């Protein structure tokens, strides 16, 4: 029998992106004894580049998470888009009290939710309850890691239409005092994503601006599909580069009480 899995939900409909992000998560969790299974949402936007796309993706993330939990082999959930679509809605559901699958390692602390949020459609008389397994959005994990210890941090990414959403996300997490702002690449995000070398160069320019012009002491690469570029940038900048998927994996590992090699 296979051990339970950390289920990575891709909120966009690209199966290729799911495979790429799942590979990053597997590398990040190597040596922990945790298995990773990638899931692509059944419908929704092909890329999340504006607030409307984030909103449209949320119900499909919720549906994918319910399906993963119903499978019986889900030990934890990662929502792999920087805006964390569907995470507030999942946290606000009236979850039944159930026993989560037991991971193949020593027991860890009770994970609980990372914070309550309101969600539409909650039945009268029912209150939000902790999700039955650890639930982490890659955006919240990366931002919190970058800001650890009061460190000043910025965000480099490809989606200028999400500037307001990123600012609001930082504020919701209580990290605004340490936030130096976001820097964006120029041009169409989807076209840039199709050209890896150009994407890497453009993100490097944005990340350097965060550090040199804005005074960021760490830079978050804002996007799950930007995971491979984030890995490459870690050796090119003088300040730490926080990649969202590994940050989420580290948070999941702590919640499950495991450590790497």
Protein backbone atom coordinates (compact mmCIF):
# COMPACT_ATOMS: atom_id res chain seq x y z
CA UNK A 1 0.00 0.00 0.00
CA UNK A 2 1.37 3.42 -0.97
CA UNK A 3 1.82 6.04 1.76
CA UNK A 4 -0.53 9.03 1.83
CA UNK A 5 0.39 11.96 -0.39
CA UNK A 6 0.90 15.67 -0.19
CA UNK A 7 -1.54 16.77 -2.89
CA UNK A 8 -0.44 19.79 -4.92
CA UNK A 9 -3.43 21.45 -6.58
CA UNK A 10 -2.64 23.54 -9.66
CA UNK A 11 -5.33 26.25 -9.89
CA UNK A 12 -4.79 26.76 -13.62
CA UNK A 13 -5.69 24.20 -16.27
CA UNK A 14 -2.19 23.54 -17.63
CA UNK A 15 -1.21 19.91 -17.07
CA UNK A 16 2.37 20.73 -18.08
CA UNK A 17 2.54 23.34 -15.32
CA UNK A 18 1.19 20.78 -12.84
CA UNK A 19 3.96 18.35 -13.78
CA UNK A 20 6.63 21.04 -13.42
CA UNK A 21 5.38 22.22 -10.02
CA UNK A 22 4.94 18.66 -8.77
CA UNK A 23 8.56 17.94 -9.69
CA UNK A 24 9.71 20.97 -7.68
CA UNK A 25 7.65 19.83 -4.68
CA UNK A 26 9.09 16.31 -4.87
CA UNK A 27 12.63 17.69 -4.84
CA UNK A 28 11.79 19.97 -1.92
CA UNK A 29 10.36 17.07 0.11
CA UNK A 30 13.03 14.52 -0.83
CA UNK A 31 14.16 12.57 2.20
CA UNK A 32 11.04 13.30 4.25
CA UNK A 33 9.20 10.12 3.39
CA UNK A 34 6.37 12.16 1.90
CA UNK A 35 4.93 11.36 -1.51
CA UNK A 36 3.66 14.20 -3.77
CA UNK A 37 0.71 13.91 -6.13
CA UNK A 38 -0.13 16.69 -8.55
CA UNK A 39 -3.73 17.57 -9.45
CA UNK A 40 -4.90 19.93 -12.19
CA UNK A 41 -8.23 21.69 -11.71
CA UNK A 42 -10.94 20.39 -14.03
CA UNK A 43 -11.89 23.82 -15.42
CA UNK A 44 -11.10 27.49 -15.16
CA UNK A 45 -8.49 29.92 -16.55
CA UNK A 46 -5.35 28.56 -18.26
CA UNK A 47 -3.22 31.17 -16.44
CA UNK A 48 -4.00 33.42 -13.46
CA UNK A 49 -2.95 36.88 -14.56
CA UNK A 50 -5.64 39.17 -13.09
CA UNK A 51 -8.07 39.33 -10.15
CA UNK A 52 -10.95 37.95 -12.22
CA UNK A 53 -8.93 34.84 -13.03
CA UNK A 54 -8.10 34.34 -9.34
CA UNK A 55 -11.78 34.54 -8.46
CA UNK A 56 -12.73 32.19 -11.29
CA UNK A 57 -10.17 29.60 -10.17
CA UNK A 58 -11.29 29.47 -6.53
CA UNK A 59 -14.35 27.18 -6.84
CA UNK A 60 -12.38 24.74 -8.99
CA UNK A 61 -9.64 24.60 -6.36
CA UNK A 62 -12.27 23.86 -3.70
CA UNK A 63 -13.70 21.06 -5.85
CA UNK A 64 -10.23 19.58 -6.49
CA UNK A 65 -9.42 19.68 -2.78
CA UNK A 66 -12.66 17.88 -1.90
CA UNK A 67 -11.90 15.21 -4.49
CA UNK A 68 -8.37 14.79 -3.13
CA UNK A 69 -9.65 14.38 0.42
CA UNK A 70 -12.31 11.91 -0.73
CA UNK A 71 -9.62 9.74 -2.30
CA UNK A 72 -8.44 8.69 1.16
CA UNK A 73 -4.72 9.14 0.48
CA UNK A 74 -4.34 12.89 1.10
CA UNK A 75 -2.07 13.83 4.03
CA UNK A 76 -1.82 17.55 3.18
CA UNK A 77 -2.89 20.07 0.56
CA UNK A 78 -0.81 22.69 -1.26
CA UNK A 79 -2.60 25.28 -3.40
CA UNK A 80 0.00 26.19 -6.00
CA UNK A 81 -0.86 29.68 -7.23
CA UNK A 82 0.66 32.79 -5.68
CA UNK A 83 -2.72 34.42 -5.01
CA UNK A 84 -3.83 31.34 -3.01
CA UNK A 85 -7.24 31.04 -4.75
CA UNK A 86 -9.65 28.81 -2.89
CA UNK A 87 -7.62 28.78 0.33
CA UNK A 88 -9.87 31.20 2.26
CA UNK A 89 -12.95 29.34 1.04
CA UNK A 90 -11.53 25.96 2.11
CA UNK A 91 -10.58 27.31 5.53
CA UNK A 92 -14.07 28.66 6.10
CA UNK A 93 -15.90 25.41 5.36
CA UNK A 94 -17.67 23.51 8.17
CA UNK A 95 -15.39 20.48 7.91
CA UNK A 96 -16.55 17.30 9.63
CA UNK A 97 -14.31 15.86 12.33
CA UNK A 98 -12.41 13.05 10.63
CA UNK A 99 -9.15 11.21 10.98
CA UNK A 100 -6.66 12.28 8.32
CA UNK A 101 -4.46 9.61 6.72
CA UNK A 102 -1.44 8.80 8.85
CA UNK A 103 1.80 9.89 7.14
CA UNK A 104 4.72 7.42 7.03
CA UNK A 105 6.70 9.11 9.83
CA UNK A 106 6.53 10.08 13.47
CA UNK A 107 3.46 12.07 14.56
CA UNK A 108 3.79 15.83 14.42
CA UNK A 109 1.94 18.70 16.03
CA UNK A 110 -1.69 19.29 15.22
CA UNK A 111 -1.60 21.42 12.07
CA UNK A 112 -4.85 23.38 12.31
CA UNK A 113 -5.69 26.13 9.85
CA UNK A 114 -3.45 29.10 9.15
CA UNK A 115 -6.26 31.58 9.71
CA UNK A 116 -10.03 32.03 9.31
CA UNK A 117 -11.64 33.70 6.32
CA UNK A 118 -15.22 34.21 5.25
CA UNK A 119 -16.60 32.12 2.42
CA UNK A 120 -19.84 32.25 0.49
CA UNK A 121 -22.35 29.46 0.76
CA UNK A 122 -21.80 28.53 4.41
CA UNK A 123 -25.00 26.94 5.67
CA UNK A 124 -26.86 28.70 8.52
CA UNK A 125 -25.80 27.48 11.95
CA UNK A 126 -22.53 25.99 10.74
CA UNK A 127 -19.20 27.48 11.74
CA UNK A 128 -15.79 27.17 10.07
CA UNK A 129 -13.69 24.28 11.37
CA UNK A 130 -10.05 23.29 10.86
CA UNK A 131 -9.46 21.45 7.61
CA UNK A 132 -8.89 17.72 8.20
CA UNK A 133 -5.32 17.95 6.84
CA UNK A 134 -2.70 20.74 6.73
CA UNK A 135 -3.61 23.28 4.05
CA UNK A 136 -1.05 25.76 2.70
CA UNK A 137 -1.12 28.31 -0.10
CA UNK A 138 2.22 28.90 -1.76
CA UNK A 139 1.76 32.68 -1.63
CA UNK A 140 1.19 32.88 2.11
CA UNK A 141 4.04 30.45 2.77
CA UNK A 142 6.56 32.37 0.65
CA UNK A 143 5.60 35.80 2.00
CA UNK A 144 5.79 34.64 5.62
CA UNK A 145 9.17 32.98 5.04
CA UNK A 146 10.58 36.05 3.33
CA UNK A 147 9.45 38.30 6.19
CA UNK A 148 10.72 36.02 8.97
CA UNK A 149 12.50 37.92 11.71
CA UNK A 150 11.27 41.26 10.41
CA UNK A 151 13.31 40.98 7.21
CA UNK A 152 12.41 43.50 4.53
CA UNK A 153 11.16 41.73 1.41
CA UNK A 154 9.85 42.42 -2.07
CA UNK A 155 8.05 40.44 -4.76
CA UNK A 156 9.20 39.96 -8.34
CA UNK A 157 6.68 38.54 -10.78
CA UNK A 158 5.11 38.72 -14.24
CA UNK A 159 1.54 39.84 -13.53
CA UNK A 160 1.18 43.63 -13.10
CA UNK A 161 -2.62 43.34 -13.11
CA UNK A 162 -2.32 41.52 -9.78
CA UNK A 163 -0.41 44.35 -8.07
CA UNK A 164 -3.40 45.28 -5.91
CA UNK A 165 -4.10 41.65 -5.05
CA UNK A 166 -0.50 41.11 -3.93
CA UNK A 167 -0.57 44.25 -1.79
CA UNK A 168 -3.82 43.10 -0.19
CA UNK A 169 -2.44 39.62 0.45
CA UNK A 170 0.60 41.09 2.21
CA UNK A 171 -1.67 43.29 4.34
CA UNK A 172 -3.96 40.36 5.29
CA UNK A 173 -0.93 38.45 6.55
CA UNK A 174 0.16 41.42 8.68
CA UNK A 175 3.43 41.80 6.76
CA UNK A 176 2.98 45.30 5.31
CA UNK A 177 5.58 46.95 7.62
CA UNK A 178 8.31 44.75 6.09
CA UNK A 179 7.11 44.94 2.48
CA UNK A 180 9.18 46.98 0.03
CA UNK A 181 6.73 46.49 -2.85
CA UNK A 182 6.46 44.46 -6.04
CA UNK A 183 8.39 44.73 -9.27
CA UNK A 184 6.96 43.37 -12.51
CA UNK A 185 8.28 42.17 -15.83
CA UNK A 186 7.06 43.90 -18.96
CA UNK A 187 5.01 42.38 -21.76
CA UNK A 188 2.34 39.71 -21.92
CA UNK A 189 2.82 37.16 -19.09
CA UNK A 190 1.65 34.23 -21.21
CA UNK A 191 4.05 35.04 -24.04
CA UNK A 192 6.89 35.49 -21.58
CA UNK A 193 6.12 32.16 -19.91
CA UNK A 194 6.55 30.44 -23.28
CA UNK A 195 10.15 31.69 -23.56
CA UNK A 196 12.11 30.39 -20.54
CA UNK A 197 15.33 32.30 -21.23
CA UNK A 198 13.50 35.60 -21.68
CA UNK A 199 11.41 34.88 -18.58
CA UNK A 200 14.50 34.27 -16.48
CA UNK A 201 16.19 37.45 -17.68
CA UNK A 202 13.09 39.56 -17.09
CA UNK A 203 12.54 38.15 -13.61
CA UNK A 204 16.18 38.73 -12.74
CA UNK A 205 15.81 42.39 -13.69
CA UNK A 206 12.71 42.72 -11.54
CA UNK A 207 14.28 40.89 -8.60
CA UNK A 208 17.42 43.03 -8.74
CA UNK A 209 15.24 46.14 -8.69
CA UNK A 210 13.60 44.85 -5.51
CA UNK A 211 16.98 44.47 -3.82
CA UNK A 212 18.93 47.43 -5.23
CA UNK A 213 16.26 50.10 -5.67
CA UNK A 214 13.78 49.12 -2.97
CA UNK A 215 16.13 47.79 -0.31
CA UNK A 216 14.60 44.33 -0.04
CA UNK A 217 16.64 41.89 2.03
CA UNK A 218 14.84 38.94 0.42
CA UNK A 219 12.88 38.59 -2.81
CA UNK A 220 9.87 36.36 -3.37
CA UNK A 221 9.35 35.09 -6.92
CA UNK A 222 5.59 35.49 -7.15
CA UNK A 223 4.17 32.51 -8.97
CA UNK A 224 3.97 28.72 -8.89
CA UNK A 225 4.55 28.42 -12.65
CA UNK A 226 7.70 30.53 -12.13
CA UNK A 227 9.21 27.80 -9.97
CA UNK A 228 12.02 26.77 -12.30
CA UNK A 229 13.06 30.39 -12.82
CA UNK A 230 13.03 30.91 -9.05
CA UNK A 231 15.44 28.00 -8.63
CA UNK A 232 17.80 29.47 -11.21
CA UNK A 233 17.69 32.96 -9.69
CA UNK A 234 18.74 31.78 -6.24
CA UNK A 235 22.39 31.72 -7.34
CA UNK A 236 22.27 35.03 -9.23
CA UNK A 237 21.23 37.47 -6.53
CA UNK A 238 23.10 38.73 -3.48
CA UNK A 239 19.94 38.48 -1.34
CA UNK A 240 17.94 35.33 -0.57
CA UNK A 241 15.39 34.33 -3.21
CA UNK A 242 12.25 32.70 -1.80
CA UNK A 243 10.58 30.25 -4.18
CA UNK A 244 6.91 29.69 -3.25
CA UNK A 245 6.60 25.94 -3.82
CA UNK A 246 9.61 24.93 -1.67
CA UNK A 247 8.44 27.42 1.00
CA UNK A 248 5.03 25.73 1.07
CA UNK A 249 6.69 22.31 1.24
CA UNK A 250 8.77 23.38 4.22
CA UNK A 251 5.62 24.59 5.96
CA UNK A 252 3.84 21.31 5.23
CA UNK A 253 6.80 19.31 6.52
CA UNK A 254 6.77 21.27 9.78
CA UNK A 255 3.02 20.78 10.14
CA UNK A 256 3.43 17.03 9.65
CA UNK A 257 6.43 16.87 11.98
CA UNK A 258 8.98 15.64 9.46
CA UNK A 259 12.42 16.85 8.42
CA UNK A 260 14.60 16.36 5.36
CA UNK A 261 17.84 14.45 5.08
